[in-house]
Amino acid sequence: MSLALRMGRTLHELCKTLTASELKMWIAFDNVSPIGDWRGDVQSAQVSTAILNAQGAKASINEMMLKWGQSEEDEEISGLEEWMGRL
């Protein structure tokens, strides 16, 4: 999906025109220079961590990373379910 978005094509178009050898090259390129949007999230987390640590805080990149698809409500519910499961 990320590759199709980056190339401005639909998945159907990409599947019809992309050869296996070209796909292998894209996979190798992705290992060196990731194609997905998460790379920007990592870079932003690095900058945020550096700024906070320069000001005396003790922050880690993992703390600064965005957590997509995970809400506080979900965490509370799963924590409650875990507690109830121990009863």
PDB file of N, CA and C in Angstrom:
ATOM      1  N   MET A   1       0.822  -1.183   0.000  1.00  0.00           N
ATOM      2  CA  MET A   1       0.000   0.000   0.000  1.00  0.00           C
ATOM      3  C   MET A   1       0.875   1.259   0.000  1.00  0.00           C
ATOM      4  N   SER A   2       1.909   1.246   0.833  1.00  0.00           N
ATOM      5  CA  SER A   2       2.778   2.424   0.921  1.00  0.00           C
ATOM      6  C   SER A   2       3.446   2.714  -0.414  1.00  0.00           C
ATOM      7  N   LEU A   3       3.879   1.666  -1.081  1.00  0.00           N
ATOM      8  CA  LEU A   3       4.532   1.851  -2.382  1.00  0.00           C
ATOM      9  C   LEU A   3       3.553   2.443  -3.397  1.00  0.00           C
ATOM     10  N   ALA A   4       2.327   1.927  -3.418  1.00  0.00           N
ATOM     11  CA  ALA A   4       1.316   2.452  -4.343  1.00  0.00           C
ATOM     12  C   ALA A   4       1.045   3.927  -4.049  1.00  0.00           C
ATOM     13  N   LEU A   5       0.943   4.277  -2.775  1.00  0.00           N
ATOM     14  CA  LEU A   5       0.719   5.682  -2.418  1.00  0.00           C
ATOM     15  C   LEU A   5       1.875   6.551  -2.868  1.00  0.00           C
ATOM     16  N   ARG A   6       3.100   6.091  -2.621  1.00  0.00           N
ATOM     17  CA  ARG A   6       4.285   6.868  -3.004  1.00  0.00           C
ATOM     18  C   ARG A   6       4.379   7.061  -4.514  1.00  0.00           C
ATOM     19  N   MET A   7       3.920   6.074  -5.271  1.00  0.00           N
ATOM     20  CA  MET A   7       4.019   6.152  -6.724  1.00  0.00           C
ATOM     21  C   MET A   7       2.796   6.810  -7.352  1.00  0.00           C
ATOM     22  N   GLY A   8       1.790   7.137  -6.538  1.00  0.00           N
ATOM     23  CA  GLY A   8       0.590   7.775  -7.060  1.00  0.00           C
ATOM     24  C   GLY A   8      -0.241   6.846  -7.926  1.00  0.00           C
ATOM     25  N   ARG A   9      -0.250   5.574  -7.573  1.00  0.00           N
ATOM     26  CA  ARG A   9      -0.998   4.583  -8.341  1.00  0.00           C
ATOM     27  C   ARG A   9      -1.961   3.840  -7.434  1.00  0.00           C
ATOM     28  N   THR A  10      -2.932   3.209  -8.058  1.00  0.00           N
ATOM     29  CA  THR A  10      -3.807   2.332  -7.285  1.00  0.00           C
ATOM     30  C   THR A  10      -3.097   0.997  -7.114  1.00  0.00           C
ATOM     31  N   LEU A  11      -3.558   0.215  -6.197  1.00  0.00           N
ATOM     32  CA  LEU A  11      -2.984  -1.112  -5.985  1.00  0.00           C
ATOM     33  C   LEU A  11      -3.161  -1.975  -7.228  1.00  0.00           C
ATOM     34  N   HIS A  12      -4.313  -1.851  -7.862  1.00  0.00           N
ATOM     35  CA  HIS A  12      -4.592  -2.616  -9.078  1.00  0.00           C
ATOM     36  C   HIS A  12      -3.587  -2.264 -10.178  1.00  0.00           C
ATOM     37  N   GLU A  13      -3.347  -0.969 -10.375  1.00  0.00           N
ATOM     38  CA  GLU A  13      -2.381  -0.536 -11.395  1.00  0.00           C
ATOM     39  C   GLU A  13      -0.990  -1.073 -11.089  1.00  0.00           C
ATOM     40  N   LEU A  14      -0.608  -0.995  -9.823  1.00  0.00           N
ATOM     41  CA  LEU A  14       0.721  -1.448  -9.421  1.00  0.00           C
ATOM     42  C   LEU A  14       0.888  -2.951  -9.643  1.00  0.00           C
ATOM     43  N   CYS A  15      -0.125  -3.706  -9.274  1.00  0.00           N
ATOM     44  CA  CYS A  15      -0.062  -5.169  -9.458  1.00  0.00           C
ATOM     45  C   CYS A  15       0.029  -5.560 -10.931  1.00  0.00           C
ATOM     46  N   LYS A  16      -0.614  -4.779 -11.804  1.00  0.00           N
ATOM     47  CA  LYS A  16      -0.609  -5.090 -13.235  1.00  0.00           C
ATOM     48  C   LYS A  16       0.704  -4.706 -13.919  1.00  0.00           C
ATOM     49  N   THR A  17       1.408  -3.693 -13.394  1.00  0.00           N
ATOM     50  CA  THR A  17       2.579  -3.178 -14.107  1.00  0.00           C
ATOM     51  C   THR A  17       3.913  -3.500 -13.447  1.00  0.00           C
ATOM     52  N   LEU A  18       3.921  -3.868 -12.184  1.00  0.00           N
ATOM     53  CA  LEU A  18       5.173  -4.097 -11.455  1.00  0.00           C
ATOM     54  C   LEU A  18       5.656  -5.529 -11.679  1.00  0.00           C
ATOM     55  N   THR A  19       6.881  -5.676 -12.150  1.00  0.00           N
ATOM     56  CA  THR A  19       7.438  -7.019 -12.355  1.00  0.00           C
ATOM     57  C   THR A  19       8.015  -7.535 -11.038  1.00  0.00           C
ATOM     58  N   ALA A  20       8.244  -8.832 -10.978  1.00  0.00           N
ATOM     59  CA  ALA A  20       8.806  -9.439  -9.772  1.00  0.00           C
ATOM     60  C   ALA A  20      10.203  -8.902  -9.479  1.00  0.00           C
ATOM     61  N   SER A  21      11.010  -8.715 -10.509  1.00  0.00           N
ATOM     62  CA  SER A  21      12.371  -8.210 -10.294  1.00  0.00           C
ATOM     63  C   SER A  21      12.346  -6.763  -9.796  1.00  0.00           C
ATOM     64  N   GLU A  22      11.424  -5.954 -10.308  1.00  0.00           N
ATOM     65  CA  GLU A  22      11.312  -4.577  -9.833  1.00  0.00           C
ATOM     66  C   GLU A  22      10.832  -4.548  -8.382  1.00  0.00           C
ATOM     67  N   LEU A  23       9.903  -5.441  -8.045  1.00  0.00           N
ATOM     68  CA  LEU A  23       9.424  -5.525  -6.664  1.00  0.00           C
ATOM     69  C   LEU A  23      10.567  -5.893  -5.727  1.00  0.00           C
ATOM     70  N   LYS A  24      11.435  -6.823  -6.157  1.00  0.00           N
ATOM     71  CA  LYS A  24      12.614  -7.187  -5.346  1.00  0.00           C
ATOM     72  C   LYS A  24      13.508  -5.973  -5.107  1.00  0.00           C
ATOM     73  N   MET A  25      13.680  -5.146  -6.142  1.00  0.00           N
ATOM     74  CA  MET A  25      14.501  -3.941  -5.990  1.00  0.00           C
ATOM     75  C   MET A  25      13.850  -2.962  -5.019  1.00  0.00           C
ATOM     76  N   TRP A  26      12.523  -2.812  -5.077  1.00  0.00           N
ATOM     77  CA  TRP A  26      11.821  -1.920  -4.150  1.00  0.00           C
ATOM     78  C   TRP A  26      11.964  -2.424  -2.715  1.00  0.00           C
ATOM     79  N   ILE A  27      11.894  -3.736  -2.527  1.00  0.00           N
ATOM     80  CA  ILE A  27      12.049  -4.317  -1.188  1.00  0.00           C
ATOM     81  C   ILE A  27      13.453  -4.047  -0.660  1.00  0.00           C
ATOM     82  N   ALA A  28      14.465  -4.209  -1.509  1.00  0.00           N
ATOM     83  CA  ALA A  28      15.845  -3.922  -1.103  1.00  0.00           C
ATOM     84  C   ALA A  28      16.017  -2.436  -0.780  1.00  0.00           C
ATOM     85  N   PHE A  29      15.419  -1.577  -1.591  1.00  0.00           N
ATOM     86  CA  PHE A  29      15.492  -0.139  -1.353  1.00  0.00           C
ATOM     87  C   PHE A  29      14.811   0.221  -0.031  1.00  0.00           C
ATOM     88  N   ASP A  30      13.688  -0.415   0.252  1.00  0.00           N
ATOM     89  CA  ASP A  30      12.954  -0.151   1.495  1.00  0.00           C
ATOM     90  C   ASP A  30      13.780  -0.531   2.721  1.00  0.00           C
ATOM     91  N   ASN A  31      14.619  -1.540   2.596  1.00  0.00           N
ATOM     92  CA  ASN A  31      15.493  -1.930   3.714  1.00  0.00           C
ATOM     93  C   ASN A  31      16.546  -0.868   4.004  1.00  0.00           C
ATOM     94  N   VAL A  32      16.975  -0.158   2.984  1.00  0.00           N
ATOM     95  CA  VAL A  32      17.992   0.883   3.133  1.00  0.00           C
ATOM     96  C   VAL A  32      17.356   2.225   3.482  1.00  0.00           C
ATOM     97  N   SER A  33      16.277   2.548   2.808  1.00  0.00           N
ATOM     98  CA  SER A  33      15.600   3.833   2.980  1.00  0.00           C
ATOM     99  C   SER A  33      14.091   3.585   3.018  1.00  0.00           C
ATOM    100  N   PRO A  34      13.523   3.403   4.210  1.00  0.00           N
ATOM    101  CA  PRO A  34      12.105   3.025   4.316  1.00  0.00           C
ATOM    102  C   PRO A  34      11.159   3.952   3.559  1.00  0.00           C
ATOM    103  N   ILE A  35      10.180   3.336   2.922  1.00  0.00           N
ATOM    104  CA  ILE A  35       9.238   4.048   2.074  1.00  0.00           C
ATOM    105  C   ILE A  35       8.064   4.610   2.876  1.00  0.00           C
ATOM    106  N   GLY A  36       7.647   3.936   3.923  1.00  0.00           N
ATOM    107  CA  GLY A  36       6.441   4.308   4.661  1.00  0.00           C
ATOM    108  C   GLY A  36       6.548   5.608   5.445  1.00  0.00           C
ATOM    109  N   ASP A  37       5.392   6.102   5.866  1.00  0.00           N
ATOM    110  CA  ASP A  37       5.308   7.347   6.615  1.00  0.00           C
ATOM    111  C   ASP A  37       5.882   7.228   8.025  1.00  0.00           C
ATOM    112  N   TRP A  38       6.027   6.030   8.540  1.00  0.00           N
ATOM    113  CA  TRP A  38       6.522   5.862   9.910  1.00  0.00           C
ATOM    114  C   TRP A  38       7.933   6.420  10.071  1.00  0.00           C
ATOM    115  N   ARG A  39       8.677   6.515   8.971  1.00  0.00           N
ATOM    116  CA  ARG A  39      10.030   7.061   9.048  1.00  0.00           C
ATOM    117  C   ARG A  39      10.010   8.507   9.556  1.00  0.00           C
ATOM    118  N   GLY A  40       9.056   9.284   9.086  1.00  0.00           N
ATOM    119  CA  GLY A  40       8.901  10.660   9.560  1.00  0.00           C
ATOM    120  C   GLY A  40       8.560  10.711  11.041  1.00  0.00           C
ATOM    121  N   ASP A  41       7.774   9.730  11.503  1.00  0.00           N
ATOM    122  CA  ASP A  41       7.439   9.660  12.927  1.00  0.00           C
ATOM    123  C   ASP A  41       8.686   9.400  13.765  1.00  0.00           C
ATOM    124  N   VAL A  42       9.558   8.525  13.276  1.00  0.00           N
ATOM    125  CA  VAL A  42      10.802   8.229  13.987  1.00  0.00           C
ATOM    126  C   VAL A  42      11.697   9.468  14.023  1.00  0.00           C
ATOM    127  N   GLN A  43      11.793  10.161  12.897  1.00  0.00           N
ATOM    128  CA  GLN A  43      12.624  11.362  12.852  1.00  0.00           C
ATOM    129  C   GLN A  43      12.088  12.433  13.804  1.00  0.00           C
ATOM    130  N   SER A  44      10.788  12.609  13.857  1.00  0.00           N
ATOM    131  CA  SER A  44      10.189  13.581  14.770  1.00  0.00           C
ATOM    132  C   SER A  44      10.434  13.186  16.219  1.00  0.00           C
ATOM    133  N   ALA A  45      10.350  11.899  16.507  1.00  0.00           N
ATOM    134  CA  ALA A  45      10.610  11.420  17.865  1.00  0.00           C
ATOM    135  C   ALA A  45      12.067  11.665  18.252  1.00  0.00           C
ATOM    136  N   GLN A  46      12.989  11.495  17.307  1.00  0.00           N
ATOM    137  CA  GLN A  46      14.404  11.760  17.584  1.00  0.00           C
ATOM    138  C   GLN A  46      14.635  13.222  17.924  1.00  0.00           C
ATOM    139  N   VAL A  47      14.024  14.119  17.166  1.00  0.00           N
ATOM    140  CA  VAL A  47      14.172  15.555  17.412  1.00  0.00           C
ATOM    141  C   VAL A  47      13.562  15.921  18.767  1.00  0.00           C
ATOM    142  N   SER A  48      12.357  15.423  19.034  1.00  0.00           N
ATOM    143  CA  SER A  48      11.692  15.707  20.308  1.00  0.00           C
ATOM    144  C   SER A  48      12.521  15.217  21.483  1.00  0.00           C
ATOM    145  N   THR A  49      13.069  14.019  21.364  1.00  0.00           N
ATOM    146  CA  THR A  49      13.891  13.445  22.429  1.00  0.00           C
ATOM    147  C   THR A  49      15.141  14.284  22.657  1.00  0.00           C
ATOM    148  N   ALA A  50      15.789  14.700  21.584  1.00  0.00           N
ATOM    149  CA  ALA A  50      17.000  15.513  21.701  1.00  0.00           C
ATOM    150  C   ALA A  50      16.698  16.851  22.378  1.00  0.00           C
ATOM    151  N   ILE A  51      15.599  17.478  22.013  1.00  0.00           N
ATOM    152  CA  ILE A  51      15.235  18.769  22.615  1.00  0.00           C
ATOM    153  C   ILE A  51      14.942  18.602  24.100  1.00  0.00           C
ATOM    154  N   LEU A  52      14.153  17.608  24.440  1.00  0.00           N
ATOM    155  CA  LEU A  52      13.817  17.390  25.848  1.00  0.00           C
ATOM    156  C   LEU A  52      15.047  17.045  26.677  1.00  0.00           C
ATOM    157  N   ASN A  53      15.892  16.172  26.151  1.00  0.00           N
ATOM    158  CA  ASN A  53      17.093  15.777  26.887  1.00  0.00           C
ATOM    159  C   ASN A  53      18.066  16.947  27.033  1.00  0.00           C
ATOM    160  N   ALA A  54      18.115  17.831  26.054  1.00  0.00           N
ATOM    161  CA  ALA A  54      18.973  19.015  26.141  1.00  0.00           C
ATOM    162  C   ALA A  54      18.501  19.963  27.238  1.00  0.00           C
ATOM    163  N   GLN A  55      17.221  19.890  27.575  1.00  0.00           N
ATOM    164  CA  GLN A  55      16.657  20.741  28.614  1.00  0.00           C
ATOM    165  C   GLN A  55      16.678  20.070  29.992  1.00  0.00           C
ATOM    166  N   GLY A  56      17.303  18.886  30.072  1.00  0.00           N
ATOM    167  CA  GLY A  56      17.448  18.199  31.352  1.00  0.00           C
ATOM    168  C   GLY A  56      16.458  17.083  31.608  1.00  0.00           C
ATOM    169  N   ALA A  57      15.516  16.856  30.697  1.00  0.00           N
ATOM    170  CA  ALA A  57      14.565  15.758  30.862  1.00  0.00           C
ATOM    171  C   ALA A  57      15.252  14.439  30.533  1.00  0.00           C
ATOM    172  N   LYS A  58      14.624  13.362  30.915  1.00  0.00           N
ATOM    173  CA  LYS A  58      15.142  12.036  30.571  1.00  0.00           C
ATOM    174  C   LYS A  58      14.091  11.325  29.728  1.00  0.00           C
ATOM    175  N   ALA A  59      14.093  11.635  28.461  1.00  0.00           N
ATOM    176  CA  ALA A  59      13.113  11.073  27.533  1.00  0.00           C
ATOM    177  C   ALA A  59      13.788  10.065  26.611  1.00  0.00           C
ATOM    178  N   SER A  60      13.002   9.108  26.154  1.00  0.00           N
ATOM    179  CA  SER A  60      13.513   8.136  25.186  1.00  0.00           C
ATOM    180  C   SER A  60      12.706   8.252  23.897  1.00  0.00           C
ATOM    181  N   ILE A  61      13.274   7.762  22.832  1.00  0.00           N
ATOM    182  CA  ILE A  61      12.587   7.806  21.535  1.00  0.00           C
ATOM    183  C   ILE A  61      11.278   7.029  21.605  1.00  0.00           C
ATOM    184  N   ASN A  62      11.273   5.895  22.300  1.00  0.00           N
ATOM    185  CA  ASN A  62      10.052   5.093  22.403  1.00  0.00           C
ATOM    186  C   ASN A  62       8.927   5.872  23.078  1.00  0.00           C
ATOM    187  N   GLU A  63       9.250   6.714  24.044  1.00  0.00           N
ATOM    188  CA  GLU A  63       8.238   7.523  24.712  1.00  0.00           C
ATOM    189  C   GLU A  63       7.675   8.597  23.786  1.00  0.00           C
ATOM    190  N   MET A  64       8.464   9.058  22.850  1.00  0.00           N
ATOM    191  CA  MET A  64       8.058  10.132  21.950  1.00  0.00           C
ATOM    192  C   MET A  64       7.354   9.622  20.690  1.00  0.00           C
ATOM    193  N   MET A  65       7.487   8.337  20.395  1.00  0.00           N
ATOM    194  CA  MET A  65       6.875   7.773  19.179  1.00  0.00           C
ATOM    195  C   MET A  65       5.358   7.818  19.257  1.00  0.00           C
ATOM    196  N   LEU A  66       4.731   8.192  18.137  1.00  0.00           N
ATOM    197  CA  LEU A  66       3.278   8.157  18.049  1.00  0.00           C
ATOM    198  C   LEU A  66       2.826   6.704  18.046  1.00  0.00           C
ATOM    199  N   LYS A  67       1.739   6.443  18.708  1.00  0.00           N
ATOM    200  CA  LYS A  67       1.195   5.089  18.757  1.00  0.00           C
ATOM    201  C   LYS A  67      -0.150   5.103  18.040  1.00  0.00           C
ATOM    202  N   TRP A  68      -0.102   4.765  16.761  1.00  0.00           N
ATOM    203  CA  TRP A  68      -1.295   4.806  15.920  1.00  0.00           C
ATOM    204  C   TRP A  68      -2.243   3.668  16.248  1.00  0.00           C
ATOM    205  N   GLY A  69      -3.520   3.986  16.265  1.00  0.00           N
ATOM    206  CA  GLY A  69      -4.538   2.958  16.460  1.00  0.00           C
ATOM    207  C   GLY A  69      -4.683   2.491  17.888  1.00  0.00           C
ATOM    208  N   GLN A  70      -4.066   3.169  18.824  1.00  0.00           N
ATOM    209  CA  GLN A  70      -4.140   2.757  20.221  1.00  0.00           C
ATOM    210  C   GLN A  70      -4.626   3.958  21.022  1.00  0.00           C
ATOM    211  N   SER A  71      -5.762   3.802  21.682  1.00  0.00           N
ATOM    212  CA  SER A  71      -6.290   4.905  22.473  1.00  0.00           C
ATOM    213  C   SER A  71      -6.176   4.581  23.956  1.00  0.00           C
ATOM    214  N   GLU A  72      -6.247   5.611  24.780  1.00  0.00           N
ATOM    215  CA  GLU A  72      -6.171   5.409  26.221  1.00  0.00           C
ATOM    216  C   GLU A  72      -7.324   4.549  26.709  1.00  0.00           C
ATOM    217  N   GLU A  73      -8.507   4.710  26.084  1.00  0.00           N
ATOM    218  CA  GLU A  73      -9.661   3.908  26.456  1.00  0.00           C
ATOM    219  C   GLU A  73      -9.378   2.428  26.282  1.00  0.00           C
ATOM    220  N   ASP A  74      -8.757   2.063  25.155  1.00  0.00           N
ATOM    221  CA  ASP A  74      -8.430   0.667  24.883  1.00  0.00           C
ATOM    222  C   ASP A  74      -7.477   0.125  25.935  1.00  0.00           C
ATOM    223  N   GLU A  75      -6.483   0.930  26.331  1.00  0.00           N
ATOM    224  CA  GLU A  75      -5.521   0.493  27.332  1.00  0.00           C
ATOM    225  C   GLU A  75      -6.207   0.262  28.663  1.00  0.00           C
ATOM    226  N   GLU A  76      -7.133   1.159  29.054  1.00  0.00           N
ATOM    227  CA  GLU A  76      -7.841   1.010  30.314  1.00  0.00           C
ATOM    228  C   GLU A  76      -8.701  -0.242  30.308  1.00  0.00           C
ATOM    229  N   ILE A  77      -9.390  -0.480  29.213  1.00  0.00           N
ATOM    230  CA  ILE A  77     -10.258  -1.651  29.119  1.00  0.00           C
ATOM    231  C   ILE A  77      -9.432  -2.924  29.208  1.00  0.00           C
ATOM    232  N   SER A  78      -8.324  -2.987  28.484  1.00  0.00           N
ATOM    233  CA  SER A  78      -7.524  -4.203  28.517  1.00  0.00           C
ATOM    234  C   SER A  78      -6.910  -4.403  29.899  1.00  0.00           C
ATOM    235  N   GLY A  79      -6.549  -3.309  30.584  1.00  0.00           N
ATOM    236  CA  GLY A  79      -6.031  -3.424  31.949  1.00  0.00           C
ATOM    237  C   GLY A  79      -7.092  -3.952  32.893  1.00  0.00           C
ATOM    238  N   LEU A  80      -8.322  -3.480  32.737  1.00  0.00           N
ATOM    239  CA  LEU A  80      -9.435  -3.951  33.551  1.00  0.00           C
ATOM    240  C   LEU A  80      -9.723  -5.411  33.258  1.00  0.00           C
ATOM    241  N   GLU A  81      -9.712  -5.757  31.979  1.00  0.00           N
ATOM    242  CA  GLU A  81      -9.948  -7.159  31.610  1.00  0.00           C
ATOM    243  C   GLU A  81      -8.873  -8.064  32.192  1.00  0.00           C
ATOM    244  N   GLU A  82      -7.636  -7.607  32.169  1.00  0.00           N
ATOM    245  CA  GLU A  82      -6.544  -8.404  32.742  1.00  0.00           C
ATOM    246  C   GLU A  82      -6.751  -8.601  34.237  1.00  0.00           C
ATOM    247  N   TRP A  83      -7.134  -7.544  34.941  1.00  0.00           N
ATOM    248  CA  TRP A  83      -7.358  -7.627  36.375  1.00  0.00           C
ATOM    249  C   TRP A  83      -8.491  -8.577  36.693  1.00  0.00           C
ATOM    250  N   MET A  84      -9.584  -8.469  35.901  1.00  0.00           N
ATOM    251  CA  MET A  84     -10.749  -9.338  36.134  1.00  0.00           C
ATOM    252  C   MET A  84     -10.395 -10.787  35.828  1.00  0.00           C
ATOM    253  N   GLY A  85      -9.523 -10.987  34.887  1.00  0.00           N
ATOM    254  CA  GLY A  85      -9.113 -12.337  34.526  1.00  0.00           C
ATOM    255  C   GLY A  85      -8.345 -13.028  35.648  1.00  0.00           C
ATOM    256  N   ARG A  86      -7.679 -12.230  36.479  1.00  0.00           N
ATOM    257  CA  ARG A  86      -6.925 -12.806  37.609  1.00  0.00           C
ATOM    258  C   ARG A  86      -7.821 -13.192  38.774  1.00  0.00           C
ATOM    259  N   LEU A  87      -9.064 -12.686  38.789  1.00  0.00           N
ATOM    260  CA  LEU A  87      -9.961 -12.987  39.905  1.00  0.00           C
ATOM    261  C   LEU A  87     -10.451 -14.373  39.893  1.00  0.00           C
TER     262      LEU A  87
END
